[in-house]
């Protein structure tokens, strides 16, 4: 992949993480709780991505 494509992918990921208000403000008391919330948000985005990929198969009845 071209470097621009990879950079674009990383920027989009950070923008999606910033949509979670708690990640965008970063007002957690400890670094552990902040990083834990980033983990939870990342897992939620990943699961949403997987469910979107699976949608055409469910619609066709496979």
C-alpha atoms as a PDB file:
ATOM      1  CA  UNK A   1       0.000   0.000   0.000  1.00  0.00           C
ATOM      2  CA  UNK A   2       1.063   3.549  -0.583  1.00  0.00           C
ATOM      3  CA  UNK A   3       2.072   5.542   2.470  1.00  0.00           C
ATOM      4  CA  UNK A   4      -0.810   7.964   1.882  1.00  0.00           C
ATOM      5  CA  UNK A   5      -3.301   5.095   2.067  1.00  0.00           C
ATOM      6  CA  UNK A   6      -1.879   3.883   5.374  1.00  0.00           C
ATOM      7  CA  UNK A   7      -1.813   7.407   6.802  1.00  0.00           C
ATOM      8  CA  UNK A   8      -5.428   7.913   5.763  1.00  0.00           C
ATOM      9  CA  UNK A   9      -6.434   4.650   7.444  1.00  0.00           C
ATOM     10  CA  UNK A  10      -4.748   5.655  10.720  1.00  0.00           C
ATOM     11  CA  UNK A  11      -6.335   9.122  10.656  1.00  0.00           C
ATOM     12  CA  UNK A  12      -9.778   7.619  10.096  1.00  0.00           C
ATOM     13  CA  UNK A  13      -9.254   5.270  13.034  1.00  0.00           C
ATOM     14  CA  UNK A  14      -8.345   8.157  15.342  1.00  0.00           C
ATOM     15  CA  UNK A  15     -11.347  10.158  14.154  1.00  0.00           C
ATOM     16  CA  UNK A  16     -13.643   7.240  14.957  1.00  0.00           C
ATOM     17  CA  UNK A  17     -12.079   6.936  18.401  1.00  0.00           C
ATOM     18  CA  UNK A  18     -12.590  10.666  18.998  1.00  0.00           C
ATOM     19  CA  UNK A  19     -16.311  10.229  18.349  1.00  0.00           C
ATOM     20  CA  UNK A  20     -16.463   8.662  21.797  1.00  0.00           C
ATOM     21  CA  UNK A  21     -16.753  11.795  23.936  1.00  0.00           C
ATOM     22  CA  UNK A  22     -14.798  10.316  26.823  1.00  0.00           C
ATOM     23  CA  UNK A  23     -11.791   9.581  24.591  1.00  0.00           C
ATOM     24  CA  UNK A  24     -11.919  13.030  22.989  1.00  0.00           C
ATOM     25  CA  UNK A  25     -11.857  14.879  26.314  1.00  0.00           C
ATOM     26  CA  UNK A  26      -9.380  12.567  28.074  1.00  0.00           C
ATOM     27  CA  UNK A  27     -10.501  13.589  31.572  1.00  0.00           C
ATOM     28  CA  UNK A  28      -9.880  10.215  33.191  1.00  0.00           C
ATOM     29  CA  UNK A  29      -7.966  10.319  36.465  1.00  0.00           C
ATOM     30  CA  UNK A  30      -5.438   7.653  35.553  1.00  0.00           C
ATOM     31  CA  UNK A  31      -3.701   6.611  32.372  1.00  0.00           C
ATOM     32  CA  UNK A  32      -4.900   3.031  32.959  1.00  0.00           C
ATOM     33  CA  UNK A  33      -8.563   4.003  32.883  1.00  0.00           C
ATOM     34  CA  UNK A  34      -8.036   6.154  29.783  1.00  0.00           C
ATOM     35  CA  UNK A  35      -6.224   3.358  27.929  1.00  0.00           C
ATOM     36  CA  UNK A  36      -8.851   0.862  29.097  1.00  0.00           C
ATOM     37  CA  UNK A  37     -11.598   3.002  27.620  1.00  0.00           C
ATOM     38  CA  UNK A  38      -9.646   3.240  24.350  1.00  0.00           C
ATOM     39  CA  UNK A  39      -9.503  -0.582  24.347  1.00  0.00           C
ATOM     40  CA  UNK A  40     -13.251  -0.823  24.913  1.00  0.00           C
ATOM     41  CA  UNK A  41     -13.985   1.732  22.191  1.00  0.00           C
ATOM     42  CA  UNK A  42     -11.650  -0.039  19.749  1.00  0.00           C
ATOM     43  CA  UNK A  43     -13.343  -3.387  20.389  1.00  0.00           C
ATOM     44  CA  UNK A  44     -16.752  -1.778  19.866  1.00  0.00           C
ATOM     45  CA  UNK A  45     -15.617  -0.288  16.535  1.00  0.00           C
ATOM     46  CA  UNK A  46     -14.107  -3.615  15.474  1.00  0.00           C
ATOM     47  CA  UNK A  47     -17.315  -5.501  16.279  1.00  0.00           C
ATOM     48  CA  UNK A  48     -19.357  -2.926  14.372  1.00  0.00           C
ATOM     49  CA  UNK A  49     -17.010  -3.365  11.401  1.00  0.00           C
ATOM     50  CA  UNK A  50     -17.407  -7.153  11.554  1.00  0.00           C
ATOM     51  CA  UNK A  51     -21.186  -6.912  11.717  1.00  0.00           C
ATOM     52  CA  UNK A  52     -21.215  -4.603   8.672  1.00  0.00           C
ATOM     53  CA  UNK A  53     -19.102  -7.087   6.741  1.00  0.00           C
ATOM     54  CA  UNK A  54     -21.486  -9.904   7.670  1.00  0.00           C
ATOM     55  CA  UNK A  55     -24.651  -8.000   6.673  1.00  0.00           C
ATOM     56  CA  UNK A  56     -24.688  -8.991   2.954  1.00  0.00           C
ATOM     57  CA  UNK A  57     -24.563 -12.665   3.909  1.00  0.00           C
ATOM     58  CA  UNK A  58     -27.497 -12.342   6.289  1.00  0.00           C
ATOM     59  CA  UNK A  59     -29.547 -10.465   3.705  1.00  0.00           C
ATOM     60  CA  UNK A  60     -29.042 -13.150   1.065  1.00  0.00           C
ATOM     61  CA  UNK A  61     -29.937 -15.955   3.478  1.00  0.00           C
ATOM     62  CA  UNK A  62     -26.551 -17.700   3.421  1.00  0.00           C
END
